């Protein structure tokens, strides 16, 4: 992991540093039009028609107790993007399957960083 201010503080003061990093990413996406536009552009490069105006929330509880790190919801209320940001841990067996099943209904995109 790079030696940055955020990583230093997360490891030193947070009981769950991954949650702190996820909240920081959610904060940035919630307040930066440029960050949301860049994420949407990346999704489009991957072949997903992603709107620029998604509203991002962190750790939203879903079906079957799933709680993805970040969820991007369109103005129509449909979940369009699920981000699972793994900074210090890998995906569990259930995570990708549960998230993909929920996105099958909305036609969304799952992005997992490991």
Protein backbone atom coordinates (compact mmCIF):
# COMPACT_ATOMS: atom_id res chain seq x y z
CA UNK A 1 0.00 0.00 0.00
CA UNK A 2 1.37 3.46 -0.85
CA UNK A 3 2.41 5.68 2.04
CA UNK A 4 -0.22 8.44 1.93
CA UNK A 5 -1.88 10.57 4.58
CA UNK A 6 -5.15 8.65 4.24
CA UNK A 7 -3.51 5.22 4.46
CA UNK A 8 -1.43 6.32 7.46
CA UNK A 9 -4.46 7.68 9.36
CA UNK A 10 -6.66 4.74 8.40
CA UNK A 11 -4.22 2.20 9.71
CA UNK A 12 -3.39 4.17 12.82
CA UNK A 13 -6.83 5.33 14.01
CA UNK A 14 -9.57 3.31 12.38
CA UNK A 15 -10.74 0.01 13.80
CA UNK A 16 -11.87 -0.92 10.27
CA UNK A 17 -9.59 0.97 7.86
CA UNK A 18 -11.43 -0.32 4.79
CA UNK A 19 -14.61 1.44 5.97
CA UNK A 20 -12.69 4.70 6.37
CA UNK A 21 -11.29 4.42 2.84
CA UNK A 22 -14.75 3.55 1.46
CA UNK A 23 -16.30 6.57 3.18
CA UNK A 24 -13.55 8.79 1.74
CA UNK A 25 -14.33 7.51 -1.76
CA UNK A 26 -18.05 8.03 -1.16
CA UNK A 27 -17.35 11.58 0.05
CA UNK A 28 -15.40 12.35 -3.12
CA UNK A 29 -18.04 10.86 -5.43
CA UNK A 30 -20.80 12.67 -3.56
CA UNK A 31 -19.20 16.07 -3.88
CA UNK A 32 -17.22 15.97 -7.11
CA UNK A 33 -19.00 16.14 -10.45
CA UNK A 34 -15.63 15.50 -12.10
CA UNK A 35 -15.10 12.27 -10.13
CA UNK A 36 -18.59 11.00 -11.04
CA UNK A 37 -18.02 11.91 -14.69
CA UNK A 38 -14.64 10.14 -14.71
CA UNK A 39 -16.15 6.99 -13.19
CA UNK A 40 -18.98 7.06 -15.74
CA UNK A 41 -16.45 7.51 -18.57
CA UNK A 42 -14.47 4.50 -17.31
CA UNK A 43 -17.67 2.44 -17.21
CA UNK A 44 -18.45 3.47 -20.80
CA UNK A 45 -14.96 2.35 -21.86
CA UNK A 46 -15.88 -1.05 -20.44
CA UNK A 47 -19.03 -1.10 -22.59
CA UNK A 48 -21.59 -0.02 -19.96
CA UNK A 49 -23.77 2.98 -20.78
CA UNK A 50 -23.37 4.74 -17.44
CA UNK A 51 -25.10 8.05 -16.71
CA UNK A 52 -22.96 10.89 -15.31
CA UNK A 53 -25.58 11.88 -12.73
CA UNK A 54 -25.61 8.86 -10.42
CA UNK A 55 -26.03 9.50 -6.70
CA UNK A 56 -23.53 7.44 -4.68
CA UNK A 57 -24.18 6.10 -1.18
CA UNK A 58 -21.93 3.98 1.00
CA UNK A 59 -22.76 0.63 2.57
CA UNK A 60 -26.44 0.45 1.60
CA UNK A 61 -28.10 -2.75 2.86
CA UNK A 62 -29.68 -4.79 0.11
CA UNK A 63 -31.29 -8.13 -0.58
CA UNK A 64 -30.14 -11.06 1.53
CA UNK A 65 -28.10 -8.87 3.87
CA UNK A 66 -25.74 -7.71 1.13
CA UNK A 67 -23.99 -4.43 1.89
CA UNK A 68 -21.82 -3.26 -0.99
CA UNK A 69 -19.27 -0.52 -0.33
CA UNK A 70 -20.78 1.99 -2.77
CA UNK A 71 -23.98 2.04 -4.77
CA UNK A 72 -24.68 4.44 -7.64
CA UNK A 73 -28.38 5.09 -8.16
CA UNK A 74 -29.93 6.81 -11.16
CA UNK A 75 -32.58 9.52 -11.04
CA UNK A 76 -35.13 6.76 -11.74
CA UNK A 77 -34.20 5.05 -8.45
CA UNK A 78 -32.51 2.08 -10.15
CA UNK A 79 -29.15 0.87 -8.90
CA UNK A 80 -26.84 1.24 -11.88
CA UNK A 81 -23.38 0.72 -10.35
CA UNK A 82 -22.14 -1.34 -7.41
CA UNK A 83 -18.58 -0.68 -6.31
CA UNK A 84 -16.87 -3.14 -3.99
CA UNK A 85 -13.60 -1.50 -3.03
CA UNK A 86 -11.28 -4.03 -1.46
CA UNK A 87 -8.32 -2.22 0.06
CA UNK A 88 -7.21 -4.76 2.67
CA UNK A 89 -9.29 -7.86 1.93
CA UNK A 90 -10.50 -9.99 -0.95
CA UNK A 91 -14.04 -10.66 -2.08
CA UNK A 92 -16.03 -13.21 -0.13
CA UNK A 93 -17.59 -16.09 -2.06
CA UNK A 94 -21.06 -14.60 -1.71
CA UNK A 95 -20.26 -10.99 -2.67
CA UNK A 96 -19.94 -11.15 -6.44
CA UNK A 97 -22.77 -13.65 -6.84
CA UNK A 98 -25.19 -11.64 -4.68
CA UNK A 99 -24.30 -8.32 -6.31
CA UNK A 100 -24.54 -9.69 -9.85
CA UNK A 101 -27.92 -11.27 -9.11
CA UNK A 102 -29.30 -7.95 -7.85
CA UNK A 103 -27.89 -6.07 -10.86
CA UNK A 104 -29.44 -8.52 -13.30
CA UNK A 105 -32.78 -6.88 -12.54
CA UNK A 106 -31.59 -3.28 -12.94
CA UNK A 107 -29.07 -3.84 -15.73
CA UNK A 108 -26.21 -2.40 -13.71
CA UNK A 109 -22.44 -2.72 -13.52
CA UNK A 110 -20.37 -4.37 -10.79
CA UNK A 111 -16.88 -2.97 -10.22
CA UNK A 112 -14.65 -4.76 -7.74
CA UNK A 113 -11.20 -3.50 -6.90
CA UNK A 114 -8.92 -5.99 -5.26
